[in-house]
Protein backbone atom coordinates (compact mmCIF):
# COMPACT_ATOMS: atom_id res chain seq x y z
CA UNK A 1 -51.02 -55.64 -33.29
CA UNK A 2 -49.59 -52.60 -31.61
CA UNK A 3 -45.90 -52.94 -30.76
CA UNK A 4 -45.13 -52.95 -27.03
CA UNK A 5 -42.39 -50.43 -27.47
CA UNK A 6 -40.36 -48.73 -30.14
CA UNK A 7 -37.17 -50.67 -30.80
CA UNK A 8 -33.78 -49.08 -30.84
CA UNK A 9 -32.03 -48.13 -34.04
CA UNK A 10 -29.86 -51.26 -33.83
CA UNK A 11 -32.84 -53.59 -33.43
CA UNK A 12 -32.05 -54.16 -29.75
CA UNK A 13 -34.00 -53.29 -26.66
CA UNK A 14 -36.86 -50.84 -26.98
CA UNK A 15 -35.83 -47.25 -26.53
CA UNK A 16 -37.18 -45.73 -23.34
CA UNK A 17 -39.40 -42.70 -23.62
CA UNK A 18 -37.46 -39.55 -22.81
CA UNK A 19 -34.01 -40.98 -23.64
CA UNK A 20 -33.75 -39.06 -26.87
CA UNK A 21 -36.89 -36.93 -26.89
CA UNK A 22 -36.10 -33.23 -26.89
CA UNK A 23 -38.34 -32.61 -23.88
CA UNK A 24 -37.62 -35.90 -22.13
CA UNK A 25 -36.39 -36.52 -18.63
CA UNK A 26 -32.74 -36.91 -19.65
CA UNK A 27 -32.74 -33.59 -21.52
CA UNK A 28 -34.49 -31.87 -18.62
CA UNK A 29 -31.97 -33.19 -16.13
CA UNK A 30 -29.12 -32.10 -18.38
CA UNK A 31 -30.56 -28.59 -18.57
CA UNK A 32 -30.99 -28.45 -14.81
CA UNK A 33 -27.42 -29.60 -14.27
CA UNK A 34 -26.18 -26.98 -16.72
CA UNK A 35 -28.13 -24.23 -14.96
CA UNK A 36 -26.91 -25.36 -11.54
CA UNK A 37 -23.29 -25.40 -12.74
CA UNK A 38 -23.70 -21.94 -14.31
CA UNK A 39 -25.21 -20.63 -11.05
CA UNK A 40 -22.34 -22.03 -9.00
CA UNK A 41 -19.81 -20.50 -11.41
CA UNK A 42 -21.53 -17.11 -11.30
CA UNK A 43 -21.66 -17.08 -7.51
CA UNK A 44 -18.06 -18.24 -7.27
CA UNK A 45 -16.99 -15.39 -9.55
CA UNK A 46 -19.00 -13.00 -7.39
CA UNK A 47 -17.26 -14.20 -4.23
CA UNK A 48 -13.84 -13.93 -5.88
CA UNK A 49 -14.68 -10.43 -7.12
CA UNK A 50 -15.72 -9.12 -3.68
CA UNK A 51 -13.57 -11.36 -1.50
CA UNK A 52 -10.95 -8.64 -1.20
CA UNK A 53 -13.64 -6.16 -0.14
CA UNK A 54 -14.75 -8.53 2.65
CA UNK A 55 -11.20 -8.76 3.98
CA UNK A 56 -10.79 -4.97 3.76
CA UNK A 57 -14.08 -4.44 5.62
CA UNK A 58 -13.13 -6.86 8.39
CA UNK A 59 -9.73 -5.26 8.90
CA UNK A 60 -11.15 -1.71 8.78
CA UNK A 61 -13.90 -2.55 11.32
CA UNK A 62 -11.44 -4.09 13.78
CA UNK A 63 -8.84 -1.35 13.37
CA UNK A 64 -11.37 1.48 13.71
CA UNK A 65 -12.72 -0.06 16.92
CA UNK A 66 -9.18 -0.36 18.28
CA UNK A 67 -8.30 3.24 17.45
CA UNK A 68 -11.52 4.67 18.92
CA UNK A 69 -11.62 2.46 22.02
CA UNK A 70 -7.98 1.95 22.94
CA UNK A 71 -6.34 5.13 21.67
CA UNK A 72 -9.13 7.71 21.93
CA UNK A 73 -10.84 6.06 24.94
CA UNK A 74 -14.38 6.19 23.59
CA UNK A 75 -16.25 3.71 25.79
CA UNK A 76 -18.58 2.26 23.13
CA UNK A 77 -17.30 3.23 19.68
CA UNK A 78 -20.03 1.41 17.77
CA UNK A 79 -20.22 3.96 15.00
CA UNK A 80 -16.52 3.83 14.13
CA UNK A 81 -16.65 0.32 12.61
CA UNK A 82 -20.07 1.09 11.12
CA UNK A 83 -18.61 4.15 9.40
CA UNK A 84 -15.63 2.13 8.19
CA UNK A 85 -17.79 -0.59 6.67
CA UNK A 86 -20.16 1.99 5.18
CA UNK A 87 -17.24 3.74 3.51
CA UNK A 88 -15.92 0.48 2.06
CA UNK A 89 -19.41 -0.49 0.88
CA UNK A 90 -19.42 2.52 -1.42
CA UNK A 91 -18.57 1.90 -5.04
CA UNK A 92 -14.87 1.67 -5.72
CA UNK A 93 -13.85 5.17 -6.69
CA UNK A 94 -16.38 6.81 -4.34
CA UNK A 95 -14.75 6.01 -1.00
CA UNK A 96 -13.01 9.30 -0.43
CA UNK A 97 -16.24 11.07 -1.27
CA UNK A 98 -18.20 8.73 1.01
CA UNK A 99 -15.88 9.56 3.93
CA UNK A 100 -16.46 13.28 3.42
CA UNK A 101 -20.21 12.66 3.16
CA UNK A 102 -20.22 10.65 6.40
CA UNK A 103 -18.48 13.43 8.29
CA UNK A 104 -20.68 16.14 6.76
CA UNK A 105 -23.87 14.20 7.51
CA UNK A 106 -22.88 13.54 11.11
CA UNK A 107 -21.93 17.19 11.59
CA UNK A 108 -25.29 18.40 10.28
CA UNK A 109 -27.17 15.91 12.47
CA UNK A 110 -25.23 16.88 15.59
CA UNK A 111 -25.61 20.64 15.05
CA UNK A 112 -29.33 20.53 14.25
CA UNK A 113 -30.05 18.06 17.05
CA UNK A 114 -28.16 20.00 19.71
CA UNK A 115 -29.55 23.37 18.64
CA UNK A 116 -33.17 22.28 18.62
CA UNK A 117 -32.92 20.22 21.80
CA UNK A 118 -31.70 23.30 23.64
CA UNK A 119 -34.69 25.31 22.36
CA UNK A 120 -37.65 22.91 22.21
CA UNK A 121 -36.66 20.05 24.51
CA UNK A 122 -37.37 16.33 23.93
CA UNK A 123 -40.44 14.38 22.88
CA UNK A 124 -42.02 12.65 19.92
CA UNK A 125 -42.88 15.81 17.98
CA UNK A 126 -39.49 17.33 18.77
CA UNK A 127 -37.86 14.19 17.33
CA UNK A 128 -39.92 14.53 14.15
CA UNK A 129 -39.03 18.21 13.74
CA UNK A 130 -35.30 17.60 14.37
CA UNK A 131 -35.13 14.83 11.75
CA UNK A 132 -37.04 16.86 9.17
CA UNK A 133 -34.81 19.89 9.60
CA UNK A 134 -31.60 17.82 9.61
CA UNK A 135 -32.57 16.19 6.31
CA UNK A 136 -33.63 19.49 4.74
CA UNK A 137 -30.32 21.13 5.70
CA UNK A 138 -28.36 18.11 4.42
CA UNK A 139 -30.23 18.26 1.11
CA UNK A 140 -29.53 21.96 0.83
CA UNK A 141 -25.81 21.53 1.55
CA UNK A 142 -25.02 18.39 -0.44
CA UNK A 143 -28.02 16.60 -1.91
CA UNK A 144 -26.28 13.25 -1.56
CA UNK A 145 -28.24 10.26 -0.25
CA UNK A 146 -25.32 9.31 2.03
CA UNK A 147 -25.27 12.78 3.63
CA UNK A 148 -29.03 12.76 4.10
CA UNK A 149 -29.01 9.31 5.72
CA UNK A 150 -26.18 10.18 8.09
CA UNK A 151 -27.74 13.52 9.04
CA UNK A 152 -31.13 11.93 9.73
CA UNK A 153 -29.69 8.98 11.66
CA UNK A 154 -27.44 11.21 13.75
CA UNK A 155 -30.33 13.56 14.52
CA UNK A 156 -32.38 10.58 15.74
CA UNK A 157 -29.54 9.47 18.02
CA UNK A 158 -29.01 12.95 19.43
CA UNK A 159 -32.73 13.50 20.04
CA UNK A 160 -33.37 10.13 21.66
CA UNK A 161 -30.13 9.32 23.49
CA UNK A 162 -28.77 12.72 24.53
CA UNK A 163 -31.17 13.06 27.49
CA UNK A 164 -29.85 9.82 29.00
CA UNK A 165 -26.25 9.68 27.62
CA UNK A 166 -24.08 12.70 28.18
CA UNK A 167 -21.53 14.00 25.70
CA UNK A 168 -22.77 11.87 22.82
CA UNK A 169 -22.00 14.44 20.15
CA UNK A 170 -18.20 14.42 20.18
CA UNK A 171 -17.85 10.58 20.22
CA UNK A 172 -20.34 10.33 17.33
CA UNK A 173 -18.35 12.82 15.27
CA UNK A 174 -15.03 11.22 16.17
CA UNK A 175 -16.42 7.76 15.33
CA UNK A 176 -17.35 8.92 11.84
CA UNK A 177 -13.95 10.51 11.36
CA UNK A 178 -12.07 7.46 12.65
CA UNK A 179 -14.17 4.97 10.67
CA UNK A 180 -13.83 6.82 7.37
CA UNK A 181 -10.14 7.54 7.90
CA UNK A 182 -9.31 3.95 8.79
CA UNK A 183 -11.25 2.69 5.77
CA UNK A 184 -9.16 4.92 3.51
CA UNK A 185 -5.99 3.81 5.28
CA UNK A 186 -6.86 0.16 4.67
CA UNK A 187 -7.66 0.66 0.99
CA UNK A 188 -4.71 2.95 0.31
CA UNK A 189 -1.89 1.46 2.39
CA UNK A 190 -2.65 -1.77 4.24
CA UNK A 191 -4.65 -3.68 1.59
CA UNK A 192 -4.56 -1.51 -1.54
CA UNK A 193 -6.44 -2.50 -4.65
CA UNK A 194 -4.43 -3.11 -7.79
CA UNK A 195 -5.92 -0.48 -10.12
CA UNK A 196 -4.87 -2.31 -13.27
CA UNK A 197 -6.59 -5.47 -12.05
CA UNK A 198 -9.75 -3.50 -11.23
CA UNK A 199 -9.79 -2.07 -14.75
CA UNK A 200 -9.10 -5.42 -16.42
CA UNK A 201 -11.90 -7.13 -14.54
CA UNK A 202 -14.40 -4.44 -15.52
CA UNK A 203 -13.24 -3.90 -19.12
CA UNK A 204 -13.12 -7.58 -20.09
CA UNK A 205 -16.94 -8.08 -20.40
CA UNK A 206 -17.30 -4.85 -22.42
CA UNK A 207 -14.52 -5.62 -24.89
CA UNK A 208 -15.43 -9.32 -25.16
CA UNK A 209 -19.01 -8.38 -26.02
CA UNK A 210 -17.83 -5.99 -28.72
CA UNK A 211 -15.36 -8.51 -30.18
CA UNK A 212 -17.92 -11.32 -30.27
CA UNK A 213 -20.62 -9.31 -32.03
CA UNK A 214 -18.23 -7.76 -34.55
CA UNK A 215 -16.93 -11.24 -35.39
CA UNK A 216 -20.51 -12.44 -35.77
CA UNK A 217 -21.30 -9.50 -38.06
CA UNK A 218 -18.25 -10.21 -40.23
CA UNK A 219 -19.44 -13.80 -40.64
CA UNK A 220 -23.00 -12.64 -41.34
CA UNK A 221 -21.78 -10.30 -44.10
CA UNK A 222 -19.62 -13.00 -45.66
CA UNK A 223 -22.52 -15.51 -45.65
CA UNK A 224 -25.30 -12.96 -46.24
CA UNK A 225 -26.96 -14.22 -43.07
CA UNK A 226 -29.35 -11.50 -41.92
CA UNK A 227 -30.59 -13.53 -38.94
CA UNK A 228 -27.06 -13.81 -37.57
CA UNK A 229 -26.52 -10.08 -37.97
CA UNK A 230 -29.82 -9.36 -36.19
CA UNK A 231 -28.71 -11.57 -33.30
CA UNK A 232 -25.43 -9.67 -33.09
CA UNK A 233 -27.33 -6.39 -33.06
CA UNK A 234 -29.59 -7.61 -30.26
CA UNK A 235 -26.70 -8.98 -28.19
CA UNK A 236 -24.65 -5.80 -28.49
CA UNK A 237 -27.53 -3.81 -27.03
CA UNK A 238 -27.01 -5.65 -23.72
CA UNK A 239 -24.07 -3.41 -22.91
CA UNK A 240 -25.43 -0.90 -20.40
CA UNK A 241 -24.52 -2.91 -17.29
CA UNK A 242 -20.95 -3.77 -18.37
CA UNK A 243 -20.31 -0.21 -19.57
CA UNK A 244 -21.54 1.25 -16.29
CA UNK A 245 -19.29 -1.13 -14.34
CA UNK A 246 -16.34 -0.14 -16.53
CA UNK A 247 -16.91 3.58 -15.96
CA UNK A 248 -17.14 3.01 -12.19
CA UNK A 249 -13.95 0.94 -12.34
CA UNK A 250 -12.08 3.81 -14.00
CA UNK A 251 -13.09 6.02 -11.08
CA UNK A 252 -11.89 3.36 -8.66
CA UNK A 253 -8.59 2.94 -10.46
CA UNK A 254 -7.95 6.67 -10.42
CA UNK A 255 -8.77 6.78 -6.71
CA UNK A 256 -6.55 3.79 -5.92
CA UNK A 257 -3.60 5.16 -7.90
CA UNK A 258 -4.04 8.57 -6.24
CA UNK A 259 -4.42 7.40 -2.62
CA UNK A 260 -2.07 4.43 -2.56
CA UNK A 261 1.68 5.21 -2.58
CA UNK A 262 2.25 1.69 -3.93
CA UNK A 263 0.46 2.62 -7.17
CA UNK A 264 1.45 6.27 -7.62
CA UNK A 265 3.75 5.31 -10.47
CA UNK A 266 0.79 3.92 -12.44
CA UNK A 267 -1.26 7.10 -12.27
CA UNK A 268 0.19 8.61 -15.44
CA UNK A 269 1.13 5.30 -17.09
CA UNK A 270 -1.07 2.33 -17.95
CA UNK A 271 -3.78 3.10 -15.39
CA UNK A 272 -4.18 6.70 -16.57
CA UNK A 273 -4.30 5.64 -20.21
CA UNK A 274 -6.71 2.79 -19.46
CA UNK A 275 -9.00 5.01 -17.37
CA UNK A 276 -9.18 7.63 -20.13
CA UNK A 277 -10.27 4.92 -22.59
CA UNK A 278 -13.73 4.47 -21.06
CA UNK A 279 -15.40 7.28 -23.01
CA UNK A 280 -14.00 6.42 -26.47
CA UNK A 281 -14.79 2.73 -25.87
CA UNK A 282 -18.36 3.74 -25.07
CA UNK A 283 -18.47 5.64 -28.38
CA UNK A 284 -16.96 2.67 -30.21
CA UNK A 285 -19.70 0.48 -28.77
CA UNK A 286 -22.44 2.82 -29.98
CA UNK A 287 -20.88 3.29 -33.42
CA UNK A 288 -20.50 -0.48 -33.76
CA UNK A 289 -24.20 -0.79 -32.99
CA UNK A 290 -24.94 1.47 -35.95
CA UNK A 291 -22.51 -0.55 -38.08
CA UNK A 292 -24.30 -3.81 -37.26
CA UNK A 293 -27.75 -2.29 -37.76
CA UNK A 294 -26.80 -1.12 -41.27
CA UNK A 295 -25.21 -4.50 -42.00
CA UNK A 296 -28.62 -6.08 -41.36
CA UNK A 297 -30.23 -3.67 -43.82
CA UNK A 298 -27.44 -4.25 -46.35
CA UNK A 299 -28.09 -7.99 -46.35
CA UNK A 300 -31.87 -7.66 -46.37
CA UNK A 301 -31.74 -5.22 -49.30
CA UNK A 302 -29.41 -7.54 -51.22
CA UNK A 303 -26.78 -4.86 -51.68
CA UNK A 304 -23.32 -5.83 -52.96
CA UNK A 305 -20.86 -7.13 -50.36
CA UNK A 306 -17.32 -6.68 -51.66
CA UNK A 307 -14.92 -9.28 -50.32
CA UNK A 308 -12.88 -6.72 -48.29
CA UNK A 309 -15.96 -5.56 -46.34
CA UNK A 310 -16.37 -8.63 -44.08
CA UNK A 311 -12.60 -8.67 -43.69
CA UNK A 312 -12.66 -5.04 -42.54
CA UNK A 313 -15.22 -5.85 -39.85
CA UNK A 314 -13.20 -8.91 -38.80
CA UNK A 315 -10.07 -6.74 -38.63
CA UNK A 316 -11.99 -4.31 -36.46
CA UNK A 317 -12.92 -7.13 -34.08
CA UNK A 318 -9.29 -8.22 -33.95
CA UNK A 319 -8.22 -4.64 -33.16
CA UNK A 320 -10.50 -4.65 -30.10
CA UNK A 321 -9.13 -8.03 -29.09
CA UNK A 322 -5.52 -6.81 -29.34
CA UNK A 323 -6.40 -3.60 -27.47
CA UNK A 324 -7.82 -5.68 -24.61
CA UNK A 325 -4.66 -7.80 -24.40
CA UNK A 326 -2.31 -4.83 -24.46
CA UNK A 327 -4.34 -2.93 -21.89
CA UNK A 328 -4.34 -5.99 -19.61
CA UNK A 329 -0.56 -6.24 -19.89
CA UNK A 330 -0.11 -2.53 -19.17
CA UNK A 331 1.69 -2.15 -22.50
CA UNK A 332 1.65 0.68 -25.01
CA UNK A 333 -1.18 -0.31 -27.42
CA UNK A 334 0.84 0.15 -30.60
CA UNK A 335 -0.18 -3.21 -32.11
CA UNK A 336 -3.83 -2.38 -31.51
CA UNK A 337 -3.36 0.85 -33.47
CA UNK A 338 -1.77 -1.03 -36.37
CA UNK A 339 -4.60 -3.55 -36.43
CA UNK A 340 -7.20 -0.78 -36.32
CA UNK A 341 -5.63 0.87 -39.35
CA UNK A 342 -5.73 -2.45 -41.24
CA UNK A 343 -9.51 -2.38 -40.77
CA UNK A 344 -9.60 1.12 -42.27
CA UNK A 345 -7.49 0.00 -45.25
CA UNK A 346 -9.85 -2.92 -45.91
CA UNK A 347 -12.85 -0.62 -45.61
CA UNK A 348 -11.27 1.72 -48.18
CA UNK A 349 -10.78 -1.17 -50.59
CA UNK A 350 -14.39 -2.26 -50.12
CA UNK A 351 -15.62 1.26 -50.79
CA UNK A 352 -13.63 1.56 -54.02
CA UNK A 353 -14.82 -1.85 -55.23
CA UNK A 354 -18.39 -0.64 -54.92
CA UNK A 355 -20.99 -0.62 -52.15
CA UNK A 356 -24.60 0.40 -51.88
CA UNK A 357 -26.18 2.95 -49.58
CA UNK A 358 -26.10 0.80 -46.43
CA UNK A 359 -22.68 -0.54 -47.39
CA UNK A 360 -21.36 3.02 -47.47
CA UNK A 361 -22.77 3.56 -43.98
CA UNK A 362 -21.04 0.38 -42.76
CA UNK A 363 -17.77 1.66 -44.22
CA UNK A 364 -18.26 5.05 -42.56
CA UNK A 365 -18.94 3.38 -39.21
CA UNK A 366 -15.79 1.30 -39.52
CA UNK A 367 -13.84 4.52 -39.98
CA UNK A 368 -15.57 6.15 -37.00
CA UNK A 369 -15.13 3.15 -34.74
CA UNK A 370 -11.44 2.90 -35.63
CA UNK A 371 -11.07 6.56 -34.75
CA UNK A 372 -12.66 5.81 -31.36
CA UNK A 373 -10.26 2.90 -30.77
CA UNK A 374 -7.26 5.05 -31.67
CA UNK A 375 -8.37 7.67 -29.16
CA UNK A 376 -8.86 4.90 -26.59
CA UNK A 377 -5.27 3.84 -27.26
CA UNK A 378 -4.02 7.27 -26.21
CA UNK A 379 -3.98 9.35 -29.41
CA UNK A 380 -5.70 12.68 -29.68
CA UNK A 381 -8.83 12.99 -31.79
CA UNK A 382 -7.00 15.01 -34.45
CA UNK A 383 -4.20 12.42 -34.66
CA UNK A 384 -6.73 9.61 -34.94
CA UNK A 385 -8.73 11.33 -37.68
CA UNK A 386 -5.58 12.07 -39.70
CA UNK A 387 -4.42 8.43 -39.54
CA UNK A 388 -7.86 7.19 -40.58
CA UNK A 389 -7.96 9.48 -43.61
CA UNK A 390 -4.44 8.53 -44.69
CA UNK A 391 -5.05 4.79 -44.42
CA UNK A 392 -8.48 4.82 -46.01
CA UNK A 393 -7.14 6.13 -49.28
CA UNK A 394 -8.75 8.12 -52.05
CA UNK A 395 -12.51 8.58 -51.97
């Protein structure tokens, strides 16, 4: 006789289908709850990250309207707040450039529109010709998408509204100037960004990714776990987005520390040092990718793994971790340098104990990555190379 239901492990009530099945309802609901919570967290982080931008944009829009309408007596200064918001919508670090592009684009559109209207008049084909020429001139002068858009949009306004609205050109130009100038005033003086915070927020994902995968590689070498090393290699390749954000953040930090009097003192201190670290950190990421790739081959080829080799990779991960903490604190990264050199010393010991072909490549990449980290900490390339050679020991 077939049992009515499978009984629980303790002999009690029958277990319900799906309670402990991997694909059951309970597991599905748990996965859905986890995804929903992760989505809420991601969107909350996004709001926190751009919340300051929203406040800056609101203040800049209101202030630019006030300046254009109340102080300059432009009757309908619609384009002043639009220009302000457009400037703030640019990537952090590109706002000064965006302001110049706005003004250049508007100027090209006004000049081309006025010149051609005086010669060929108004109409549908005249509008087409004016826009084409404005865009071509903007491309020739700057080549920037922002300049092209502003030149084309301004040419459309001049060609379509000038016959019915007199003296449109000067208010349009002044609106662009006021909007961009007010946006810079808001970001530089009224609500300035903290450049160190901008850098920390952008650098954290990059450095955390590098630390995590180097730690995983150290464990994979110690346990001869090729699958774990392959996973680390695959995960480290997902670095293009975080690296791009970090590079953009360095531009923003430089801009903030240059424009804002509040942060002028940081320009040559922690912010300057941090901003200059983007390129060597990028190199460290790429060299660590080679390190991990050769670690996979080392394990698969059953080469010797001297005990100091996993420790060297772990020390390298710790050096990145310490560098992140000292950068975040705005401190001189001296402890990060010391930790980096410990990784080189361990790599030297591993090399002298005996490694195979891929093991030698791993050792070489540890040396190269440490050199990158030392440069990121503020040393010159020659200083970094000399310290690496001294601490590695005899070949």
